[in-house]
Structures are given as structure tokens and as C-alpha cells.
Amino acid sequence: MADVSVREAISAAIRYWEPRRLLYNAVLLIVVATVFVLGLPISRSQLNVNLLLFLFIMAVLANVAYCACYVVDVAAQVSDFRTIWLRFRWTLFVVGVAFAGVLTYFFATGIFISRE
């Protein structure tokens, strides 16, 4: 086991991941906004209170899913692979954002793009 306590690993994970959450949310917002704009004027007709509530729920769930990075990060930090992990954990962020972006794209196109 690495010479780092779980408390230190959690603190380091929070310092690393929380600033990146803003970028994660920005990417997902850009995906939704782009799909919305590409679907105009039909996408505008889809807007209603229920859709906005659904989008809110999906945004919260996307942020809950983002928290999965903490499990991987803390486990890797307290392992013997800590040094390597700290150099390459950005790859988890990139893969996670890409995965979330693709899921967001599919949900957004299902909502905003006309299926004629």
C-alpha cells in the first residue's frame, strides 16, 4: 500500500476532480445546446415544464455519475500504483467526458430532433 492515508487520498481526489466538474458540465451543456439549435424550429416546440424537469433530473444524474471517478481515484491512490495513477488520471476524465457526451447526445437527439 502507498504511504498515503485514505483521508489524504480523498482530499487529493476532491482537489483534482471538483474543478473539472465545471468543464464536464460545460461539455454536456454544449452538447445539449448544439442539438437543440440543430433541431430548430421543431426543438423549440418540444419545450415544456415536464421537459425542463426531465432535463434537470438528467443533469443531476450526470453529476451523480461523475462521482464514480472518486471510487477509482481513491482506490488507485492508496494502491502501489499511486505514482503512475497521478500522472495518468487525466485519461479517466477524458474517457468519462467522452462517454457522458455520447450519452447526452443520444438523449438530446431523442428529445429535440424530429423523427420523420
Foldseek 3Di string as FASTA:
>chain_A
DDPDDLVRQLVVCCVPQVVCVVVLLVLLVVLLVVLQVVLPPQQVVLDDPVVVVVVVVVSVVLVVVSCVLSVVRSVCCVDPNNVVCVVPVVVVVVVSSVVVSVVSNVVSCVRRHDDD
